[in-house]
């Protein structure tokens, strides 16, 4: 997305950032790396009081002299989302970047997941983005600037077996993020969709993956579900073959910090951080060209460009 250059907090360092799901994995890496880059970061956690993760974040902030503060933010609760936004506003007066990262993983044969499980992961990985954005967008529209960041997955573009609920939820989230991004661009709000590959170290994603609830259906698939257990080790082997070391989630935070150095309107719509080099960015370049051509025919190509207006268009 393109626009006029922003100045001050919206376009330089020291932006006020909120990161959801910042207790571990990619979320924590993003929060820490953005704080190291000089931003004022609020690390969203479902619970703060008595939380070991909150204590660890405070300790790291003190050790490294970072502006990094835990904030209670339950993405499954409308009130919790609004309360977190209100707290940050009370302390800082603005929110420049909201990072929608909180999520969960389910692995196993698709048929064995119940509809209730599917609805749960959709709520966590996609509907939560709407909740969080509904809390922060009124703030950003009043400011006339802001950036919505959404952490998706390469699996939303190249489907893999044994991950159907997760993949569907990430694809739903991406579509929501992109369509919503077109609607808020006239208010000076950028949208960045981070598209990471798999990270087998530095995250609890695989260890905390939820299995299918219907064991009877799993049994009907014989030995096939066992192949899902081999995927993590094979991903690790691919990383070693490409770079000689396992991929680390810190690279996602570093990549986002680099992207946020650009002024509003110059930030990438999608930011690929894929240690497995699947080539998803090749799809995206074609998609963007086709989208722009079609939008020109529709007369809405201007929505692909972030503006800096502070009043409604």
Protein backbone atom coordinates (compact mmCIF):
# COMPACT_ATOMS: atom_id res chain seq x y z
CA UNK A 1 0.00 0.00 0.00
CA UNK A 2 1.26 3.46 -0.87
CA UNK A 3 0.64 6.90 0.57
CA UNK A 4 2.17 10.19 1.56
CA UNK A 5 4.98 9.93 4.09
CA UNK A 6 4.01 10.16 7.74
CA UNK A 7 6.04 11.93 10.38
CA UNK A 8 6.32 11.58 14.13
CA UNK A 9 5.12 8.50 15.99
CA UNK A 10 3.28 7.09 13.01
CA UNK A 11 6.31 6.92 10.74
CA UNK A 12 9.40 6.65 12.91
CA UNK A 13 10.75 4.95 15.98
CA UNK A 14 9.12 5.04 19.38
CA UNK A 15 5.71 3.89 18.18
CA UNK A 16 3.22 2.60 20.75
CA UNK A 17 2.65 -1.08 20.00
CA UNK A 18 0.32 -3.70 21.45
CA UNK A 19 1.03 -7.38 20.76
CA UNK A 20 -1.54 -10.07 21.53
CA UNK A 21 -0.47 -13.55 22.61
CA UNK A 22 2.92 -12.23 23.68
CA UNK A 23 3.67 -14.76 26.40
CA UNK A 24 5.63 -17.16 24.20
CA UNK A 25 6.68 -18.04 20.67
CA UNK A 26 6.26 -15.56 17.84
CA UNK A 27 4.27 -13.15 20.01
CA UNK A 28 6.99 -12.84 22.61
CA UNK A 29 9.68 -12.59 19.94
CA UNK A 30 7.79 -9.79 18.20
CA UNK A 31 7.22 -7.91 21.46
CA UNK A 32 10.87 -8.15 22.50
CA UNK A 33 12.34 -7.29 19.10
CA UNK A 34 10.05 -4.28 18.67
CA UNK A 35 11.02 -3.06 22.13
CA UNK A 36 14.68 -3.52 21.23
CA UNK A 37 14.01 -1.42 18.12
CA UNK A 38 12.98 1.45 20.39
CA UNK A 39 9.22 1.10 20.40
CA UNK A 40 6.95 1.32 23.44
CA UNK A 41 5.54 -2.20 23.62
CA UNK A 42 2.64 -3.65 25.57
CA UNK A 43 2.81 -7.45 25.64
CA UNK A 44 -0.71 -8.83 25.77
CA UNK A 45 -1.28 -11.86 28.01
CA UNK A 46 -4.51 -13.60 28.94
CA UNK A 47 -3.58 -13.23 32.61
CA UNK A 48 -1.00 -10.95 34.20
CA UNK A 49 -1.45 -11.21 37.95
CA UNK A 50 0.70 -14.05 39.30
CA UNK A 51 1.83 -14.97 35.78
CA UNK A 52 5.31 -16.38 35.33
CA UNK A 53 5.31 -15.13 31.75
CA UNK A 54 4.50 -11.61 32.88
CA UNK A 55 7.28 -11.78 35.46
CA UNK A 56 9.75 -13.01 32.84
CA UNK A 57 8.83 -10.15 30.52
CA UNK A 58 9.28 -7.60 33.29
CA UNK A 59 12.65 -9.09 34.16
CA UNK A 60 13.82 -8.97 30.56
CA UNK A 61 12.61 -5.39 30.23
CA UNK A 62 14.56 -4.40 33.33
CA UNK A 63 17.71 -6.27 32.30
CA UNK A 64 17.77 -4.81 28.78
CA UNK A 65 16.26 -1.44 29.71
CA UNK A 66 13.34 -1.92 27.33
CA UNK A 67 9.96 -0.20 27.24
CA UNK A 68 8.15 -3.54 27.47
CA UNK A 69 5.13 -3.96 29.76
CA UNK A 70 2.74 -6.89 30.21
CA UNK A 71 -0.93 -6.00 29.81
CA UNK A 72 -3.93 -8.24 30.40
CA UNK A 73 -5.61 -8.85 27.06
CA UNK A 74 -7.94 -11.79 26.47
CA UNK A 75 -8.67 -11.87 22.74
CA UNK A 76 -11.73 -14.06 23.33
CA UNK A 77 -13.45 -11.33 25.36
CA UNK A 78 -14.80 -8.07 23.91
CA UNK A 79 -14.55 -6.33 27.27
CA UNK A 80 -10.99 -7.54 27.79
CA UNK A 81 -9.92 -6.17 24.41
CA UNK A 82 -11.47 -2.77 25.10
CA UNK A 83 -10.01 -2.64 28.61
CA UNK A 84 -6.50 -3.26 27.31
CA UNK A 85 -6.88 -0.53 24.68
CA UNK A 86 -8.22 1.89 27.30
CA UNK A 87 -5.28 1.17 29.61
CA UNK A 88 -2.70 1.83 26.90
CA UNK A 89 -4.51 5.01 25.86
CA UNK A 90 -4.57 6.23 29.45
CA UNK A 91 -0.81 5.72 29.75
CA UNK A 92 0.37 6.75 26.27
CA UNK A 93 -2.43 8.71 24.63
CA UNK A 94 -2.26 6.77 21.37
CA UNK A 95 -1.79 3.34 19.78
CA UNK A 96 0.26 3.23 16.60
CA UNK A 97 0.49 -0.51 15.94
CA UNK A 98 -1.74 -3.42 16.93
CA UNK A 99 -0.24 -6.88 16.35
CA UNK A 100 -2.86 -9.64 16.19
CA UNK A 101 -0.78 -12.69 17.04
CA UNK A 102 -2.65 -14.77 19.64
CA UNK A 103 -3.55 -18.16 18.23
CA UNK A 104 -3.72 -21.90 18.68
CA UNK A 105 -2.83 -25.03 16.69
CA UNK A 106 -4.81 -28.21 16.05
CA UNK A 107 -3.21 -31.19 14.31
CA UNK A 108 -4.77 -34.46 13.18
CA UNK A 109 -7.09 -35.84 10.53
CA UNK A 110 -9.79 -33.30 9.70
CA UNK A 111 -12.77 -35.65 9.93
CA UNK A 112 -12.00 -36.43 13.57
CA UNK A 113 -12.30 -32.82 14.76
CA UNK A 114 -15.73 -31.91 16.09
CA UNK A 115 -17.62 -28.82 14.90
CA UNK A 116 -17.16 -27.42 18.40
CA UNK A 117 -13.38 -27.72 18.05
CA UNK A 118 -13.52 -26.06 14.65
CA UNK A 119 -15.54 -23.15 16.01
CA UNK A 120 -13.07 -22.78 18.87
CA UNK A 121 -10.05 -22.41 16.60
CA UNK A 122 -11.93 -20.06 14.27
CA UNK A 123 -12.79 -17.91 17.28
CA UNK A 124 -9.19 -17.86 18.48
CA UNK A 125 -7.39 -17.46 15.16
CA UNK A 126 -9.80 -15.30 13.15
CA UNK A 127 -12.76 -13.88 15.07
CA UNK A 128 -10.36 -12.59 17.73
CA UNK A 129 -8.79 -10.35 15.09
CA UNK A 130 -12.19 -8.72 14.59
CA UNK A 131 -12.62 -8.29 18.35
CA UNK A 132 -9.23 -6.66 18.77
CA UNK A 133 -9.62 -4.47 15.69
CA UNK A 134 -13.07 -3.29 16.81
CA UNK A 135 -11.45 -2.14 20.04
CA UNK A 136 -8.51 -0.31 18.46
CA UNK A 137 -9.83 1.00 15.12
CA UNK A 138 -11.88 3.86 16.61
CA UNK A 139 -8.63 5.06 18.19
CA UNK A 140 -6.65 4.81 14.96
CA UNK A 141 -9.38 6.48 12.91
CA UNK A 142 -9.42 9.41 15.31
CA UNK A 143 -5.65 9.62 15.09
CA UNK A 144 -5.74 9.45 11.30
CA UNK A 145 -2.94 6.87 11.42
CA UNK A 146 -2.11 3.38 12.59
CA UNK A 147 -1.03 -0.06 11.50
CA UNK A 148 -2.90 -3.33 11.92
CA UNK A 149 -0.57 -6.34 11.89
CA UNK A 150 -1.95 -9.87 11.58
CA UNK A 151 0.18 -12.99 12.03
CA UNK A 152 -1.00 -15.62 9.56
CA UNK A 153 0.80 -18.69 8.15
CA UNK A 154 2.18 -20.00 4.87
CA UNK A 155 -0.24 -22.91 5.29
CA UNK A 156 -3.06 -20.51 4.42
CA UNK A 157 -1.55 -20.43 0.92
CA UNK A 158 -0.12 -23.95 0.53
CA UNK A 159 -2.38 -26.38 2.37
CA UNK A 160 -0.81 -29.30 4.23
CA UNK A 161 -2.48 -32.44 5.61
CA UNK A 162 -3.30 -32.94 9.29
CA UNK A 163 -3.80 -29.20 9.90
CA UNK A 164 -7.18 -28.47 8.31
CA UNK A 165 -8.82 -26.52 11.17
CA UNK A 166 -5.69 -24.41 11.66
CA UNK A 167 -5.28 -23.73 7.95
CA UNK A 168 -8.94 -22.81 7.51
CA UNK A 169 -8.78 -20.42 10.47
CA UNK A 170 -5.65 -18.70 9.17
CA UNK A 171 -7.12 -18.38 5.67
CA UNK A 172 -10.27 -16.88 7.18
CA UNK A 173 -8.18 -14.45 9.20
CA UNK A 174 -6.19 -13.36 6.15
CA UNK A 175 -9.33 -12.66 4.13
CA UNK A 176 -10.78 -10.66 7.01
CA UNK A 177 -7.54 -8.71 7.43
CA UNK A 178 -7.18 -7.88 3.75
CA UNK A 179 -10.79 -6.84 3.21
CA UNK A 180 -10.86 -4.78 6.40
CA UNK A 181 -7.54 -3.25 5.41
CA UNK A 182 -9.07 -1.88 2.21
CA UNK A 183 -11.84 -0.24 4.22
CA UNK A 184 -9.55 1.47 6.74
CA UNK A 185 -6.83 2.58 4.29
CA UNK A 186 -8.62 5.91 3.61
CA UNK A 187 -8.22 6.73 7.31
CA UNK A 188 -4.43 6.48 7.23
CA UNK A 189 -4.33 2.92 8.54
CA UNK A 190 -1.93 0.39 7.07
CA UNK A 191 -2.42 -3.38 7.12
CA UNK A 192 0.53 -5.78 7.30
CA UNK A 193 -0.09 -9.53 7.16
CA UNK A 194 2.90 -11.45 8.49
CA UNK A 195 3.18 -14.84 6.78
CA UNK A 196 5.61 -17.04 8.72
CA UNK A 197 6.61 -20.57 7.88
CA UNK A 198 6.94 -23.24 10.55
CA UNK A 199 9.22 -22.70 13.52
CA UNK A 200 10.15 -25.85 15.40
CA UNK A 201 12.21 -24.07 18.06
CA UNK A 202 11.40 -21.09 20.26
CA UNK A 203 7.66 -21.74 20.21
CA UNK A 204 5.23 -23.94 22.13
CA UNK A 205 2.92 -24.26 19.13
CA UNK A 206 3.60 -27.91 18.35
CA UNK A 207 3.95 -29.00 21.98
CA UNK A 208 0.55 -27.51 22.87
CA UNK A 209 -1.26 -28.59 19.71
CA UNK A 210 -4.83 -29.83 20.28
CA UNK A 211 -5.65 -33.29 18.85
CA UNK A 212 -8.99 -34.37 17.36
CA UNK A 213 -11.70 -35.18 19.90
CA UNK A 214 -13.23 -38.09 17.98
CA UNK A 215 -10.81 -40.94 18.67
CA UNK A 216 -13.08 -43.47 16.97
CA UNK A 217 -12.73 -41.65 13.66
CA UNK A 218 -8.96 -41.34 14.10
CA UNK A 219 -8.75 -45.12 14.52
CA UNK A 220 -10.49 -45.63 11.18
CA UNK A 221 -7.58 -43.92 9.42
CA UNK A 222 -5.16 -46.65 10.51
CA UNK A 223 -1.50 -45.64 10.38
CA UNK A 224 -2.02 -42.45 8.37
CA UNK A 225 -2.33 -40.13 11.42
CA UNK A 226 1.11 -41.29 12.57
CA UNK A 227 2.61 -39.36 9.68
CA UNK A 228 1.56 -36.11 11.32
CA UNK A 229 4.02 -36.80 14.14
CA UNK A 230 6.87 -36.92 11.62
CA UNK A 231 6.25 -33.46 10.22
CA UNK A 232 8.05 -31.47 12.94
CA UNK A 233 11.26 -33.49 12.55
CA UNK A 234 11.10 -33.16 8.78
CA UNK A 235 10.57 -29.41 9.01
CA UNK A 236 13.61 -29.23 11.28
CA UNK A 237 15.63 -31.19 8.72
CA UNK A 238 14.55 -28.82 5.93
CA UNK A 239 15.72 -25.83 7.99
CA UNK A 240 19.10 -27.44 8.62
CA UNK A 241 19.50 -28.24 4.93
CA UNK A 242 18.75 -24.63 3.94
CA UNK A 243 20.66 -22.67 6.57
CA UNK A 244 22.64 -25.10 8.71
CA UNK A 245 20.59 -24.29 11.81
CA UNK A 246 17.04 -24.46 13.11
CA UNK A 247 14.87 -21.45 12.32
CA UNK A 248 14.29 -19.14 15.28
CA UNK A 249 11.17 -17.12 15.94
CA UNK A 250 13.29 -14.03 16.64
CA UNK A 251 13.53 -13.60 12.87
CA UNK A 252 9.81 -12.79 12.71
CA UNK A 253 10.22 -9.98 15.22
CA UNK A 254 13.27 -8.63 13.42
CA UNK A 255 11.48 -8.67 10.06
CA UNK A 256 8.49 -6.80 11.48
CA UNK A 257 10.72 -4.25 13.18
CA UNK A 258 12.36 -3.60 9.81
CA UNK A 259 8.97 -3.24 8.10
CA UNK A 260 7.76 -0.72 10.69
CA UNK A 261 10.75 1.51 9.97
CA UNK A 262 9.07 2.41 6.69
CA UNK A 263 6.55 5.27 6.70
CA UNK A 264 2.85 4.55 6.58
CA UNK A 265 1.79 3.53 3.12
CA UNK A 266 5.21 2.08 2.32
CA UNK A 267 4.89 -0.97 4.54
CA UNK A 268 4.41 -4.36 2.86
CA UNK A 269 0.91 -5.74 2.66
CA UNK A 270 2.36 -9.20 3.29
CA UNK A 271 5.63 -9.89 5.07
CA UNK A 272 7.03 -13.36 4.40
CA UNK A 273 9.33 -15.01 6.96
CA UNK A 274 9.54 -18.57 5.71
CA UNK A 275 12.53 -20.71 6.70
CA UNK A 276 11.23 -23.54 4.50
CA UNK A 277 11.27 -21.33 1.36
CA UNK A 278 7.93 -22.58 0.01
CA UNK A 279 7.69 -19.72 -2.49
CA UNK A 280 4.38 -18.30 -1.28
CA UNK A 281 5.57 -14.80 -2.13
CA UNK A 282 5.52 -15.81 -5.81
CA UNK A 283 1.77 -16.39 -5.56
CA UNK A 284 1.29 -13.07 -3.85
CA UNK A 285 2.99 -11.00 -6.53
CA UNK A 286 0.60 -12.40 -9.14
CA UNK A 287 -2.40 -11.92 -6.84
CA UNK A 288 -1.55 -8.28 -6.19
CA UNK A 289 -1.23 -7.53 -9.90
CA UNK A 290 -4.55 -9.20 -10.69
CA UNK A 291 -6.25 -7.48 -7.76
CA UNK A 292 -5.05 -4.05 -8.84
CA UNK A 293 -6.19 -4.62 -12.43
CA UNK A 294 -9.64 -5.75 -11.30
CA UNK A 295 -10.00 -2.93 -8.79
CA UNK A 296 -9.20 -0.43 -11.53
CA UNK A 297 -12.10 -1.82 -13.53
CA UNK A 298 -14.33 -1.56 -10.45
CA UNK A 299 -13.21 2.00 -9.76
CA UNK A 300 -11.88 1.21 -6.27
CA UNK A 301 -8.12 1.00 -6.90
CA UNK A 302 -7.66 4.00 -4.60
CA UNK A 303 -8.42 1.71 -1.64
CA UNK A 304 -5.14 -0.09 -2.30
CA UNK A 305 -3.34 3.09 -1.26
CA UNK A 306 -3.18 4.22 2.35
CA UNK A 307 -3.94 7.91 2.69
CA UNK A 308 -3.08 10.25 5.53
CA UNK A 309 -6.40 12.00 5.95
CA UNK A 310 -7.50 12.66 9.51
CA UNK A 311 -11.12 13.26 8.58
CA UNK A 312 -13.54 10.75 7.03
CA UNK A 313 -13.31 10.59 3.22
